[in-house]
Amino acid sequence: MGNMQFLALMASQPGKAFDALGERPKYWFPLLLAVAASVLTTWWFYQVVDIQWLLEESLRSNPRMAALDDAQRARAVQAMSGAHLEATSSVSL
């Protein structure tokens, strides 16, 4: 059974799909599918969220960042761009 057939079977008849997994385990396809779903969800999140708001809320809720003066806080916000957050979040998955 191919990967796409297995995926269709998981959607239509999960019991048979798990029986098939018991006979012939598949590891790479589900792992890659889960990783791809996680990366795509993270990418989507950073496409719809207001990055400036996220940075300000993150800095405001962190007690160590609250101790910084305005100039230091502004430098911290400038150092973190949307692309930086997206890349580090995707890599950390």
N, C-alpha and C. Protein backbone atom coordinates (compact mmCIF):
# COMPACT_ATOMS: atom_id res chain seq x y z
N MET A 1 0.84 -1.17 0.00
CA MET A 1 0.00 0.00 0.00
C MET A 1 0.89 1.24 0.00
N GLY A 2 0.59 2.17 -0.91
CA GLY A 2 1.36 3.40 -1.01
C GLY A 2 0.96 4.40 0.06
N ASN A 3 1.74 5.46 0.15
CA ASN A 3 1.49 6.47 1.18
C ASN A 3 0.15 7.17 0.98
N MET A 4 -0.19 7.51 -0.25
CA MET A 4 -1.45 8.19 -0.50
C MET A 4 -2.64 7.26 -0.25
N GLN A 5 -2.48 6.00 -0.59
CA GLN A 5 -3.55 5.03 -0.29
C GLN A 5 -3.72 4.91 1.22
N PHE A 6 -2.61 4.87 1.93
CA PHE A 6 -2.66 4.79 3.39
C PHE A 6 -3.34 6.03 3.98
N LEU A 7 -3.01 7.20 3.46
CA LEU A 7 -3.62 8.44 3.94
C LEU A 7 -5.13 8.44 3.69
N ALA A 8 -5.55 7.98 2.51
CA ALA A 8 -6.97 7.90 2.20
C ALA A 8 -7.66 6.88 3.12
N LEU A 9 -6.99 5.77 3.40
CA LEU A 9 -7.55 4.76 4.29
C LEU A 9 -7.67 5.30 5.71
N MET A 10 -6.71 6.11 6.15
CA MET A 10 -6.78 6.72 7.49
C MET A 10 -7.99 7.63 7.59
N ALA A 11 -8.32 8.32 6.51
CA ALA A 11 -9.46 9.23 6.53
C ALA A 11 -10.79 8.48 6.44
N SER A 12 -10.81 7.40 5.68
CA SER A 12 -12.09 6.72 5.44
C SER A 12 -12.33 5.53 6.37
N GLN A 13 -11.28 4.74 6.64
CA GLN A 13 -11.42 3.54 7.48
C GLN A 13 -10.20 3.41 8.39
N PRO A 14 -10.16 4.18 9.47
CA PRO A 14 -8.98 4.17 10.34
C PRO A 14 -8.65 2.80 10.93
N GLY A 15 -9.66 2.00 11.23
CA GLY A 15 -9.40 0.67 11.80
C GLY A 15 -8.59 -0.20 10.87
N LYS A 16 -8.95 -0.20 9.59
CA LYS A 16 -8.20 -0.98 8.60
C LYS A 16 -6.79 -0.41 8.42
N ALA A 17 -6.68 0.91 8.50
CA ALA A 17 -5.36 1.53 8.35
C ALA A 17 -4.44 1.11 9.49
N PHE A 18 -4.96 1.07 10.71
CA PHE A 18 -4.13 0.65 11.84
C PHE A 18 -3.80 -0.84 11.78
N ASP A 19 -4.72 -1.64 11.25
CA ASP A 19 -4.42 -3.06 11.04
C ASP A 19 -3.28 -3.21 10.03
N ALA A 20 -3.32 -2.40 8.96
CA ALA A 20 -2.26 -2.44 7.96
C ALA A 20 -0.93 -2.00 8.56
N LEU A 21 -0.97 -1.02 9.45
CA LEU A 21 0.26 -0.58 10.13
C LEU A 21 0.83 -1.69 11.00
N GLY A 22 -0.03 -2.48 11.61
CA GLY A 22 0.43 -3.59 12.43
C GLY A 22 1.17 -4.63 11.62
N GLU A 23 0.71 -4.84 10.38
CA GLU A 23 1.36 -5.82 9.51
C GLU A 23 2.64 -5.28 8.89
N ARG A 24 2.60 -4.01 8.49
CA ARG A 24 3.76 -3.41 7.82
C ARG A 24 3.91 -1.97 8.30
N PRO A 25 4.70 -1.75 9.35
CA PRO A 25 4.82 -0.40 9.92
C PRO A 25 5.42 0.61 8.94
N LYS A 26 4.91 1.81 9.01
CA LYS A 26 5.44 2.94 8.22
C LYS A 26 5.81 4.02 9.23
N TYR A 27 7.01 4.54 9.12
CA TYR A 27 7.44 5.56 10.07
C TYR A 27 7.71 6.90 9.41
N TRP A 28 8.38 6.90 8.28
CA TRP A 28 8.82 8.14 7.67
C TRP A 28 7.68 9.01 7.17
N PHE A 29 6.71 8.42 6.50
CA PHE A 29 5.62 9.22 5.96
C PHE A 29 4.83 9.94 7.05
N PRO A 30 4.39 9.26 8.11
CA PRO A 30 3.67 10.00 9.17
C PRO A 30 4.55 11.05 9.86
N LEU A 31 5.82 10.75 10.03
CA LEU A 31 6.72 11.71 10.67
C LEU A 31 6.86 12.95 9.80
N LEU A 32 7.11 12.76 8.51
CA LEU A 32 7.26 13.90 7.60
C LEU A 32 5.95 14.67 7.48
N LEU A 33 4.84 13.98 7.50
CA LEU A 33 3.54 14.64 7.44
C LEU A 33 3.31 15.50 8.68
N ALA A 34 3.67 15.00 9.84
CA ALA A 34 3.52 15.76 11.09
C ALA A 34 4.44 16.98 11.11
N VAL A 35 5.68 16.81 10.65
CA VAL A 35 6.62 17.93 10.61
C VAL A 35 6.13 18.99 9.63
N ALA A 36 5.67 18.56 8.45
CA ALA A 36 5.17 19.51 7.45
C ALA A 36 3.96 20.26 7.99
N ALA A 37 3.06 19.57 8.67
CA ALA A 37 1.89 20.23 9.24
C ALA A 37 2.29 21.25 10.30
N SER A 38 3.28 20.92 11.12
CA SER A 38 3.74 21.85 12.15
C SER A 38 4.38 23.09 11.54
N VAL A 39 5.22 22.89 10.53
CA VAL A 39 5.88 24.02 9.88
C VAL A 39 4.86 24.90 9.16
N LEU A 40 3.92 24.29 8.47
CA LEU A 40 2.89 25.07 7.78
C LEU A 40 2.00 25.84 8.75
N THR A 41 1.67 25.24 9.88
CA THR A 41 0.87 25.93 10.89
C THR A 41 1.63 27.12 11.46
N THR A 42 2.91 26.93 11.72
CA THR A 42 3.74 28.02 12.23
C THR A 42 3.84 29.14 11.21
N TRP A 43 4.07 28.78 9.95
CA TRP A 43 4.15 29.79 8.87
C TRP A 43 2.83 30.56 8.78
N TRP A 44 1.70 29.84 8.81
CA TRP A 44 0.40 30.48 8.72
C TRP A 44 0.19 31.45 9.88
N PHE A 45 0.56 31.03 11.09
CA PHE A 45 0.41 31.88 12.27
C PHE A 45 1.12 33.21 12.07
N TYR A 46 2.37 33.16 11.62
CA TYR A 46 3.13 34.39 11.45
C TYR A 46 2.67 35.21 10.26
N GLN A 47 1.88 34.63 9.37
CA GLN A 47 1.31 35.40 8.27
C GLN A 47 0.09 36.21 8.73
N VAL A 48 -0.64 35.71 9.72
CA VAL A 48 -1.87 36.38 10.14
C VAL A 48 -1.72 37.22 11.40
N VAL A 49 -0.72 36.97 12.22
CA VAL A 49 -0.56 37.73 13.46
C VAL A 49 0.15 39.05 13.17
N ASP A 50 -0.18 40.05 13.94
CA ASP A 50 0.51 41.35 13.86
C ASP A 50 1.83 41.21 14.62
N ILE A 51 2.92 41.16 13.90
CA ILE A 51 4.23 40.90 14.50
C ILE A 51 4.59 41.97 15.53
N GLN A 52 4.32 43.22 15.22
CA GLN A 52 4.65 44.29 16.16
C GLN A 52 3.90 44.09 17.48
N TRP A 53 2.63 43.74 17.40
CA TRP A 53 1.84 43.49 18.61
C TRP A 53 2.40 42.30 19.39
N LEU A 54 2.74 41.22 18.67
CA LEU A 54 3.29 40.03 19.31
C LEU A 54 4.59 40.35 20.05
N LEU A 55 5.46 41.11 19.41
CA LEU A 55 6.72 41.48 20.05
C LEU A 55 6.47 42.33 21.30
N GLU A 56 5.60 43.32 21.17
CA GLU A 56 5.33 44.19 22.31
C GLU A 56 4.71 43.42 23.47
N GLU A 57 3.77 42.52 23.17
CA GLU A 57 3.15 41.71 24.22
C GLU A 57 4.16 40.76 24.86
N SER A 58 5.02 40.18 24.05
CA SER A 58 6.05 39.28 24.58
C SER A 58 7.01 40.02 25.50
N LEU A 59 7.41 41.20 25.07
CA LEU A 59 8.32 41.99 25.89
C LEU A 59 7.63 42.50 27.16
N ARG A 60 6.38 42.88 27.04
CA ARG A 60 5.65 43.41 28.20
C ARG A 60 5.40 42.33 29.24
N SER A 61 5.18 41.09 28.81
CA SER A 61 4.86 40.02 29.76
C SER A 61 6.09 39.39 30.40
N ASN A 62 7.27 39.71 29.90
CA ASN A 62 8.52 39.16 30.45
C ASN A 62 9.04 40.10 31.53
N PRO A 63 9.17 39.64 32.77
CA PRO A 63 9.61 40.53 33.85
C PRO A 63 11.00 41.12 33.62
N ARG A 64 11.89 40.37 32.99
CA ARG A 64 13.23 40.91 32.73
C ARG A 64 13.18 42.02 31.70
N MET A 65 12.31 41.88 30.72
CA MET A 65 12.19 42.92 29.70
C MET A 65 11.50 44.16 30.26
N ALA A 66 10.63 43.97 31.24
CA ALA A 66 9.94 45.11 31.85
C ALA A 66 10.92 46.03 32.57
N ALA A 67 12.05 45.47 32.97
CA ALA A 67 13.06 46.26 33.68
C ALA A 67 13.90 47.12 32.73
N LEU A 68 13.81 46.88 31.43
CA LEU A 68 14.60 47.66 30.47
C LEU A 68 14.00 49.04 30.28
N ASP A 69 14.88 50.00 29.95
CA ASP A 69 14.35 51.33 29.63
C ASP A 69 13.84 51.33 28.18
N ASP A 70 13.24 52.42 27.76
CA ASP A 70 12.60 52.49 26.45
C ASP A 70 13.58 52.28 25.30
N ALA A 71 14.78 52.81 25.42
CA ALA A 71 15.78 52.66 24.34
C ALA A 71 16.21 51.20 24.21
N GLN A 72 16.43 50.53 25.32
CA GLN A 72 16.82 49.12 25.29
C GLN A 72 15.69 48.26 24.73
N ARG A 73 14.47 48.57 25.12
CA ARG A 73 13.31 47.82 24.63
C ARG A 73 13.16 48.01 23.11
N ALA A 74 13.37 49.22 22.63
CA ALA A 74 13.27 49.49 21.19
C ALA A 74 14.33 48.71 20.42
N ARG A 75 15.53 48.62 20.96
CA ARG A 75 16.59 47.84 20.30
C ARG A 75 16.22 46.36 20.27
N ALA A 76 15.62 45.86 21.35
CA ALA A 76 15.21 44.45 21.38
C ALA A 76 14.14 44.18 20.33
N VAL A 77 13.20 45.09 20.16
CA VAL A 77 12.15 44.92 19.15
C VAL A 77 12.75 44.96 17.75
N GLN A 78 13.71 45.85 17.51
CA GLN A 78 14.34 45.94 16.19
C GLN A 78 15.15 44.69 15.86
N ALA A 79 15.72 44.07 16.88
CA ALA A 79 16.54 42.88 16.65
C ALA A 79 15.70 41.67 16.26
N MET A 80 14.43 41.70 16.60
CA MET A 80 13.56 40.56 16.31
C MET A 80 12.57 40.95 15.21
N SER A 81 12.78 40.40 14.04
CA SER A 81 11.87 40.66 12.93
C SER A 81 10.90 39.49 12.78
N GLY A 82 9.90 39.66 11.94
CA GLY A 82 8.96 38.57 11.68
C GLY A 82 9.64 37.36 11.09
N ALA A 83 10.58 37.60 10.17
CA ALA A 83 11.30 36.48 9.55
C ALA A 83 12.14 35.74 10.58
N HIS A 84 12.73 36.49 11.50
CA HIS A 84 13.54 35.87 12.56
C HIS A 84 12.67 34.98 13.44
N LEU A 85 11.52 35.49 13.85
CA LEU A 85 10.62 34.70 14.69
C LEU A 85 10.11 33.47 13.96
N GLU A 86 9.75 33.65 12.70
CA GLU A 86 9.24 32.52 11.91
C GLU A 86 10.30 31.43 11.74
N ALA A 87 11.53 31.84 11.44
CA ALA A 87 12.61 30.87 11.23
C ALA A 87 12.96 30.14 12.52
N THR A 88 13.07 30.86 13.62
CA THR A 88 13.44 30.17 14.86
C THR A 88 12.31 29.28 15.35
N SER A 89 11.08 29.68 15.13
CA SER A 89 9.96 28.81 15.53
C SER A 89 9.91 27.56 14.68
N SER A 90 10.13 27.68 13.38
CA SER A 90 10.09 26.51 12.50
C SER A 90 11.23 25.56 12.79
N VAL A 91 12.41 26.09 13.06
CA VAL A 91 13.56 25.23 13.34
C VAL A 91 13.39 24.54 14.68
N SER A 92 12.77 25.20 15.64
CA SER A 92 12.62 24.59 16.96
C SER A 92 11.60 23.46 16.97
N LEU A 93 10.77 23.38 15.94
CA LEU A 93 9.80 22.28 15.89
C LEU A 93 10.52 20.99 15.69
